[in-house]
Amino acid sequence: KHWSQGVADFNAGRFWHAHESWEQGWTLLAEPERAYVQGLIQLAAVFHLMERGREEPALRLCTSALEKLDSCWDAMRGRLPRLEIIGAREALREIVQGVSWKPHAERLKAELVLL
């Protein structure tokens, strides 16, 4: 239930609630999916912090999320994660480079992959 609630929250722009919902399940996952989903959870937290005007901590977390996704990217190739946000890695990279986060927050959509 926490996975689907998090997807609904993320897609409605309730990034903190999505973060909190997904936090309930990611620790039970095996690597590399664990790191992958943790990076997506951090993306939700980045958007939440940016909404609150907390750019500095958001950018630090953005870098951490990007490192998480990059670290498991090759290992996740060909696997179906239970949670997906197409374009998350590219969005994080652009935000770190100074591109506005708002268009990404409006465009990116979370999806639940039923296993």
Protein backbone atom coordinates (compact mmCIF):
# COMPACT_ATOMS: atom_id res chain seq x y z
CA LYS A 1 0.00 0.00 0.00
CA HIS A 2 2.81 2.44 0.82
CA TRP A 3 4.20 2.10 -2.71
CA SER A 4 0.92 3.03 -4.43
CA GLN A 5 0.18 5.82 -1.94
CA GLY A 6 3.64 7.28 -2.58
CA VAL A 7 3.04 7.20 -6.35
CA ALA A 8 -0.28 9.02 -5.93
CA ASP A 9 1.33 11.59 -3.65
CA PHE A 10 4.34 12.18 -5.93
CA ASN A 11 2.14 12.60 -9.00
CA ALA A 12 -0.08 15.08 -7.12
CA GLY A 13 2.94 17.15 -6.09
CA ARG A 14 2.85 16.02 -2.45
CA PHE A 15 6.55 15.23 -2.45
CA TRP A 16 7.07 14.98 1.30
CA HIS A 17 4.19 12.54 1.63
CA ALA A 18 5.58 10.44 -1.24
CA HIS A 19 8.96 10.42 0.45
CA GLU A 20 7.40 9.29 3.73
CA SER A 21 5.31 6.54 2.10
CA TRP A 22 8.24 5.09 0.17
CA GLU A 23 10.50 5.24 3.24
CA GLN A 24 8.34 2.48 4.73
CA GLY A 25 9.47 -0.09 2.18
CA TRP A 26 12.84 0.62 0.63
CA THR A 27 14.92 -0.87 3.47
CA LEU A 28 13.38 -4.30 2.80
CA LEU A 29 14.60 -4.32 -0.82
CA ALA A 30 17.72 -6.11 -2.03
CA GLU A 31 20.52 -4.34 -3.88
CA PRO A 32 20.68 -2.90 -6.49
CA GLU A 33 16.97 -2.05 -6.31
CA ARG A 34 17.40 -0.74 -2.78
CA ALA A 35 19.88 1.96 -3.87
CA TYR A 36 17.79 2.74 -6.95
CA VAL A 37 14.59 3.29 -4.99
CA GLN A 38 16.48 5.26 -2.34
CA GLY A 39 17.65 7.64 -5.08
CA LEU A 40 14.04 8.15 -6.19
CA ILE A 41 12.97 8.78 -2.58
CA GLN A 42 15.70 11.39 -2.33
CA LEU A 43 14.39 13.03 -5.53
CA ALA A 44 11.00 13.49 -3.83
CA ALA A 45 12.79 15.04 -0.86
CA VAL A 46 14.74 17.36 -3.20
CA PHE A 47 11.49 18.68 -4.67
CA HIS A 48 10.04 19.13 -1.17
CA LEU A 49 13.09 21.10 0.01
CA MET A 50 13.07 23.26 -3.12
CA GLU A 51 9.38 24.07 -2.55
CA ARG A 52 10.32 25.23 0.93
CA GLY A 53 13.09 27.47 -0.41
CA ARG A 54 15.84 25.31 1.10
CA GLU A 55 18.02 25.27 -1.98
CA GLU A 56 21.36 24.48 -0.35
CA PRO A 57 20.28 21.28 1.44
CA ALA A 58 18.23 20.33 -1.62
CA LEU A 59 21.28 20.57 -3.86
CA ARG A 60 23.34 18.45 -1.44
CA LEU A 61 20.59 15.83 -1.42
CA CYS A 62 20.30 16.11 -5.20
CA THR A 63 23.98 15.20 -5.52
CA SER A 64 23.50 12.26 -3.15
CA ALA A 65 20.46 11.02 -5.10
CA LEU A 66 22.34 11.27 -8.38
CA GLU A 67 25.26 9.31 -6.90
CA LYS A 68 22.83 6.61 -5.72
CA LEU A 69 21.19 6.29 -9.14
CA ASP A 70 24.52 6.37 -10.98
CA SER A 71 26.01 3.72 -8.67
CA CYS A 72 23.34 1.14 -9.51
CA TRP A 73 22.42 2.21 -13.04
CA ASP A 74 24.26 -0.55 -14.89
CA ALA A 75 23.17 -3.22 -12.39
CA MET A 76 19.52 -2.18 -12.84
CA ARG A 77 19.67 -2.48 -16.63
CA GLY A 78 17.14 -5.09 -17.72
CA ARG A 79 15.50 -5.30 -14.29
CA LEU A 80 12.07 -4.06 -13.37
CA PRO A 81 12.13 -1.96 -10.21
CA ARG A 82 8.90 -1.80 -8.24
CA LEU A 83 9.05 1.99 -8.47
CA GLU A 84 10.00 4.02 -11.53
CA ILE A 85 10.31 7.70 -12.36
CA ILE A 86 11.39 7.97 -15.98
CA GLY A 87 13.85 10.84 -16.41
CA ALA A 88 14.76 11.11 -12.71
CA ARG A 89 18.50 10.80 -13.29
CA GLU A 90 18.53 13.41 -16.04
CA ALA A 91 16.42 15.77 -13.92
CA LEU A 92 18.80 15.47 -10.98
CA ARG A 93 21.78 16.11 -13.23
CA GLU A 94 20.16 19.27 -14.63
CA ILE A 95 19.18 20.54 -11.18
CA VAL A 96 22.77 20.11 -9.98
CA GLN A 97 23.86 22.13 -13.04
CA GLY A 98 21.53 24.97 -12.07
CA VAL A 99 18.45 24.26 -14.21
CA SER A 100 15.18 25.10 -12.44
CA TRP A 101 13.60 22.19 -10.57
CA LYS A 102 10.00 23.30 -11.15
CA PRO A 103 9.54 22.01 -14.72
CA HIS A 104 10.91 18.63 -13.62
CA ALA A 105 8.57 18.49 -10.63
CA GLU A 106 5.63 19.18 -12.93
CA ARG A 107 6.72 16.77 -15.70
CA LEU A 108 8.08 13.72 -13.89
CA LYS A 109 5.58 11.04 -12.96
CA ALA A 110 6.07 8.05 -10.70
CA GLU A 111 4.87 4.63 -11.76
CA LEU A 112 4.34 1.46 -9.78
CA VAL A 113 5.57 -1.69 -11.47
CA LEU A 114 3.57 -4.67 -10.27
CA LEU A 115 5.80 -7.70 -9.77
